[in-house]
Amino acid sequence: MNIVLIEPFFSGSHKQWALGYKKYSKYNIEILSLKGIFWKWRMHGGALTLSKMFNEYLKKK
């Protein structure tokens, strides 16, 4: 199974959780993320950037 993990704030505990999930999962995990800065903007506006990243990812598949 392929899983795309989308993380708008890739820092601290969010980053450690995502990397741990990828490392120990029996599934193929692809992480699409934004830098862990400007928390409020990431929560409000990050969806636009992440949706573009996801569409680019799908084009490669």
N, C-alpha and C. Protein backbone atom coordinates (compact mmCIF):
# COMPACT_ATOMS: atom_id res chain seq x y z
N MET A 1 0.84 -1.16 0.00
CA MET A 1 0.00 0.00 0.00
C MET A 1 0.89 1.24 0.00
N ASN A 2 0.51 2.23 -0.79
CA ASN A 2 1.22 3.50 -0.83
C ASN A 2 0.42 4.54 -0.06
N ILE A 3 1.12 5.29 0.79
CA ILE A 3 0.48 6.32 1.61
C ILE A 3 1.22 7.63 1.39
N VAL A 4 0.48 8.70 1.15
CA VAL A 4 1.06 10.03 1.07
C VAL A 4 0.71 10.75 2.36
N LEU A 5 1.72 11.08 3.13
CA LEU A 5 1.54 11.79 4.40
C LEU A 5 1.77 13.27 4.12
N ILE A 6 0.77 14.08 4.38
CA ILE A 6 0.85 15.52 4.12
C ILE A 6 1.00 16.25 5.45
N GLU A 7 2.12 16.96 5.58
CA GLU A 7 2.44 17.63 6.85
C GLU A 7 2.77 19.11 6.58
N PRO A 8 1.90 20.04 7.01
CA PRO A 8 2.15 21.45 6.76
C PRO A 8 3.21 22.08 7.67
N PHE A 9 3.57 21.43 8.76
CA PHE A 9 4.52 22.01 9.71
C PHE A 9 5.55 20.94 10.08
N PHE A 10 6.55 20.75 9.20
CA PHE A 10 7.52 19.67 9.32
C PHE A 10 8.68 20.10 10.21
N SER A 11 8.43 20.06 11.52
CA SER A 11 9.44 20.45 12.50
C SER A 11 9.09 19.81 13.84
N GLY A 12 10.07 19.70 14.70
CA GLY A 12 9.83 19.20 16.06
C GLY A 12 9.13 17.86 16.11
N SER A 13 8.10 17.78 16.94
CA SER A 13 7.39 16.50 17.13
C SER A 13 6.65 16.07 15.87
N HIS A 14 6.18 17.01 15.07
CA HIS A 14 5.51 16.66 13.82
C HIS A 14 6.48 15.92 12.89
N LYS A 15 7.69 16.44 12.80
CA LYS A 15 8.72 15.84 11.95
C LYS A 15 9.12 14.47 12.47
N GLN A 16 9.36 14.36 13.77
CA GLN A 16 9.77 13.08 14.35
C GLN A 16 8.69 12.02 14.17
N TRP A 17 7.43 12.40 14.35
CA TRP A 17 6.33 11.44 14.16
C TRP A 17 6.28 10.96 12.72
N ALA A 18 6.35 11.89 11.76
CA ALA A 18 6.26 11.53 10.35
C ALA A 18 7.42 10.63 9.93
N LEU A 19 8.63 10.97 10.34
CA LEU A 19 9.79 10.16 9.98
C LEU A 19 9.74 8.79 10.65
N GLY A 20 9.29 8.75 11.90
CA GLY A 20 9.14 7.47 12.59
C GLY A 20 8.10 6.59 11.94
N TYR A 21 6.99 7.19 11.54
CA TYR A 21 5.93 6.44 10.86
C TYR A 21 6.45 5.86 9.55
N LYS A 22 7.20 6.67 8.80
CA LYS A 22 7.77 6.20 7.54
C LYS A 22 8.78 5.07 7.78
N LYS A 23 9.62 5.24 8.77
CA LYS A 23 10.68 4.27 9.05
C LYS A 23 10.13 2.92 9.50
N TYR A 24 9.12 2.92 10.36
CA TYR A 24 8.64 1.68 10.95
C TYR A 24 7.39 1.10 10.31
N SER A 25 6.85 1.78 9.32
CA SER A 25 5.65 1.28 8.65
C SER A 25 6.02 0.17 7.67
N LYS A 26 5.13 -0.78 7.51
CA LYS A 26 5.34 -1.82 6.50
C LYS A 26 4.90 -1.34 5.12
N TYR A 27 4.33 -0.14 5.07
CA TYR A 27 3.84 0.42 3.81
C TYR A 27 4.84 1.42 3.24
N ASN A 28 4.66 1.74 1.97
CA ASN A 28 5.48 2.74 1.32
C ASN A 28 4.90 4.12 1.66
N ILE A 29 5.67 4.92 2.39
CA ILE A 29 5.21 6.23 2.84
C ILE A 29 5.97 7.32 2.10
N GLU A 30 5.25 8.24 1.48
CA GLU A 30 5.83 9.42 0.84
C GLU A 30 5.39 10.63 1.67
N ILE A 31 6.35 11.46 2.08
CA ILE A 31 6.04 12.63 2.90
C ILE A 31 6.08 13.88 2.03
N LEU A 32 4.98 14.60 1.99
CA LEU A 32 4.93 15.91 1.36
C LEU A 32 4.80 16.92 2.49
N SER A 33 5.75 17.83 2.59
CA SER A 33 5.75 18.72 3.75
C SER A 33 6.21 20.12 3.41
N LEU A 34 5.92 21.02 4.33
CA LEU A 34 6.41 22.39 4.28
C LEU A 34 7.32 22.60 5.49
N LYS A 35 8.20 23.57 5.39
CA LYS A 35 9.11 23.86 6.50
C LYS A 35 8.34 24.20 7.77
N GLY A 36 8.94 23.92 8.88
CA GLY A 36 8.31 24.19 10.17
C GLY A 36 8.51 25.61 10.65
N ILE A 37 8.10 26.57 9.83
CA ILE A 37 8.17 27.98 10.20
C ILE A 37 6.83 28.64 9.89
N PHE A 38 6.58 29.79 10.48
CA PHE A 38 5.34 30.55 10.24
C PHE A 38 4.11 29.68 10.47
N TRP A 39 3.99 29.16 11.68
CA TRP A 39 2.94 28.20 12.03
C TRP A 39 1.56 28.65 11.61
N LYS A 40 1.17 29.86 11.94
CA LYS A 40 -0.20 30.31 11.64
C LYS A 40 -0.46 30.32 10.13
N TRP A 41 0.50 30.78 9.34
CA TRP A 41 0.32 30.78 7.89
C TRP A 41 0.21 29.35 7.37
N ARG A 42 1.02 28.46 7.87
CA ARG A 42 0.98 27.07 7.41
C ARG A 42 -0.39 26.45 7.62
N MET A 43 -1.00 26.75 8.75
CA MET A 43 -2.32 26.18 9.05
C MET A 43 -3.41 26.78 8.17
N HIS A 44 -3.25 28.04 7.78
CA HIS A 44 -4.29 28.70 6.99
C HIS A 44 -4.02 28.62 5.48
N GLY A 45 -2.80 28.88 5.06
CA GLY A 45 -2.50 28.97 3.63
C GLY A 45 -1.70 27.82 3.06
N GLY A 46 -1.23 26.94 3.92
CA GLY A 46 -0.40 25.84 3.46
C GLY A 46 -1.10 24.87 2.53
N ALA A 47 -2.42 24.80 2.62
CA ALA A 47 -3.18 23.85 1.79
C ALA A 47 -2.98 24.13 0.31
N LEU A 48 -2.86 25.40 -0.06
CA LEU A 48 -2.66 25.74 -1.47
C LEU A 48 -1.34 25.18 -1.99
N THR A 49 -0.29 25.41 -1.24
CA THR A 49 1.04 24.92 -1.63
C THR A 49 1.08 23.40 -1.61
N LEU A 50 0.52 22.80 -0.58
CA LEU A 50 0.54 21.34 -0.47
C LEU A 50 -0.30 20.68 -1.56
N SER A 51 -1.39 21.31 -1.97
CA SER A 51 -2.20 20.73 -3.05
C SER A 51 -1.43 20.75 -4.36
N LYS A 52 -0.65 21.79 -4.60
CA LYS A 52 0.19 21.84 -5.79
C LYS A 52 1.26 20.75 -5.73
N MET A 53 1.86 20.57 -4.56
CA MET A 53 2.86 19.52 -4.39
C MET A 53 2.25 18.14 -4.63
N PHE A 54 1.04 17.94 -4.13
CA PHE A 54 0.36 16.66 -4.29
C PHE A 54 0.04 16.40 -5.76
N ASN A 55 -0.42 17.42 -6.49
CA ASN A 55 -0.70 17.25 -7.92
C ASN A 55 0.57 16.92 -8.69
N GLU A 56 1.69 17.55 -8.36
CA GLU A 56 2.97 17.23 -8.99
C GLU A 56 3.39 15.80 -8.68
N TYR A 57 3.18 15.38 -7.45
CA TYR A 57 3.49 14.00 -7.06
C TYR A 57 2.67 13.02 -7.89
N LEU A 58 1.38 13.30 -8.06
CA LEU A 58 0.51 12.40 -8.84
C LEU A 58 0.93 12.33 -10.30
N LYS A 59 1.42 13.42 -10.86
CA LYS A 59 1.87 13.43 -12.25
C LYS A 59 3.08 12.52 -12.45
N LYS A 60 3.91 12.40 -11.43
CA LYS A 60 5.11 11.56 -11.51
C LYS A 60 4.78 10.08 -11.42
N LYS A 61 3.63 9.75 -10.84
CA LYS A 61 3.24 8.35 -10.64
C LYS A 61 2.62 7.76 -11.87
